[in-house]
Structure formats: C-alpha cells, structure tokens
Amino acid sequence: MTEVYADSANQGSCKRDGYPDQTFWMCYVQGAHTPTYFYLTEAAARKEAERLASLPDNQGRRVFLLKAVAMCVAPPIIEWKEVKG
C-alpha cells in the first residue's frame, strides 16, 4: 500500500512506498543511497534537492533531480510442465 506524506517543508507531497501512477520526481545524491521518496511536484523535489545539498555529509556532492517519463510492467510468466512419474 502506498502511503502519501504531507511534506510541509517542501510544500508538496511525497510518497515513500509503492509507485505513483502519475509523473513524479526523485532526488539522487551522487555517491549516496538509492532515492526512496517520490515527489508529486517538481517544486517539492527541487526544495528537497536544495535541502539534501546543504546537509554536511553531502557537501561537494551533486544532487540530481530525476523525472519519471514512462514505465513498463512485465507480467509474470507462469509455465506448467508435466513431470514423469
């Protein structure tokens, strides 16, 4: 289940789990962990990128704003085979 958080610091909403069914942005700090929050507006993502860039551990690191432009889903393939016996 996707949880939506009101992010007053960024004046927008972000999602931590699940996948949004609309355009979203993520912030990636070079050399850091994989992004975990989805931002529903570019403005909210930019504010978060600025906040991340200003953290002491991120000094000198680039913060990239990533925008989802498309997605695809591969259905699971279930194959049955008879066994001898």
Protein backbone atom coordinates (compact mmCIF):
# COMPACT_ATOMS: atom_id res chain seq x y z
CA MET A 1 0.00 0.00 0.00
CA THR A 2 1.32 3.43 -0.91
CA GLU A 3 1.49 6.00 1.85
CA VAL A 4 1.34 9.69 0.99
CA TYR A 5 3.03 12.12 3.35
CA ALA A 6 2.25 15.81 3.60
CA ASP A 7 5.66 17.39 3.30
CA SER A 8 5.23 20.89 4.68
CA ALA A 9 8.95 21.68 4.34
CA ASN A 10 8.69 21.11 0.60
CA GLN A 11 5.13 22.43 0.21
CA GLY A 12 4.07 19.29 -1.60
CA SER A 13 3.51 15.62 -1.12
CA CYS A 14 5.92 12.75 -1.31
CA LYS A 15 5.44 9.01 -1.43
CA ARG A 16 7.79 6.54 0.14
CA ASP A 17 6.35 3.19 -0.90
CA GLY A 18 4.64 1.89 -3.99
CA TYR A 19 4.68 3.50 -7.41
CA PRO A 20 2.77 6.63 -8.35
CA ASP A 21 0.51 6.37 -11.40
CA GLN A 22 1.42 9.89 -12.49
CA THR A 23 4.57 11.88 -13.23
CA PHE A 24 6.88 12.10 -10.24
CA TRP A 25 10.38 13.29 -9.35
CA MET A 26 13.12 11.84 -7.16
CA CYS A 27 16.34 13.32 -5.77
CA TYR A 28 19.57 11.41 -6.18
CA VAL A 29 22.68 12.41 -4.24
CA GLN A 30 25.80 11.30 -6.09
CA GLY A 31 27.54 8.53 -4.17
CA ALA A 32 24.69 8.14 -1.69
CA HIS A 33 21.90 5.61 -1.24
CA THR A 34 19.17 4.92 -3.77
CA PRO A 35 16.34 7.50 -3.71
CA THR A 36 13.36 6.40 -1.64
CA TYR A 37 10.86 9.27 -1.87
CA PHE A 38 8.66 10.20 -4.83
CA TYR A 39 7.74 13.90 -5.12
CA LEU A 40 4.48 14.72 -6.85
CA THR A 41 5.56 18.20 -7.95
CA GLU A 42 8.82 19.46 -9.41
CA ALA A 43 8.81 22.36 -6.96
CA ALA A 44 8.70 19.98 -3.99
CA ALA A 45 11.53 17.89 -5.46
CA ARG A 46 13.68 20.98 -6.07
CA LYS A 47 13.24 22.13 -2.48
CA GLU A 48 14.23 18.67 -1.27
CA ALA A 49 17.27 18.67 -3.59
CA GLU A 50 18.37 22.00 -2.09
CA ARG A 51 17.90 20.63 1.42
CA LEU A 52 19.89 17.50 0.62
CA ALA A 53 22.69 19.52 -0.99
CA SER A 54 23.02 21.65 2.13
CA LEU A 55 23.49 18.70 4.51
CA PRO A 56 27.03 18.45 5.94
CA ASP A 57 27.53 14.89 4.64
CA ASN A 58 26.61 16.00 1.12
CA GLN A 59 28.96 18.99 0.79
CA GLY A 60 30.57 18.88 -2.66
CA ARG A 61 28.24 16.14 -3.94
CA ARG A 62 25.93 16.69 -6.88
CA VAL A 63 22.20 16.28 -6.29
CA PHE A 64 20.29 15.20 -9.38
CA LEU A 65 16.59 15.74 -9.95
CA LEU A 66 15.15 12.67 -11.69
CA LYS A 67 11.83 12.78 -13.54
CA ALA A 68 9.85 9.68 -14.45
CA VAL A 69 8.89 9.89 -18.11
CA ALA A 70 7.50 6.40 -18.69
CA MET A 71 7.12 2.98 -17.12
CA CYS A 72 6.54 -0.57 -18.18
CA VAL A 73 5.41 -3.66 -16.36
CA ALA A 74 6.27 -7.20 -17.34
CA PRO A 75 3.55 -9.65 -16.40
CA PRO A 76 4.70 -12.72 -14.52
CA ILE A 77 5.02 -15.72 -16.75
CA ILE A 78 3.70 -18.95 -15.26
CA GLU A 79 4.53 -22.10 -17.14
CA TRP A 80 3.29 -25.56 -16.20
CA LYS A 81 5.16 -28.68 -17.19
CA GLU A 82 4.07 -32.22 -16.58
CA VAL A 83 6.50 -34.45 -14.71
CA LYS A 84 7.01 -38.12 -15.32
CA GLY A 85 6.20 -40.45 -12.56
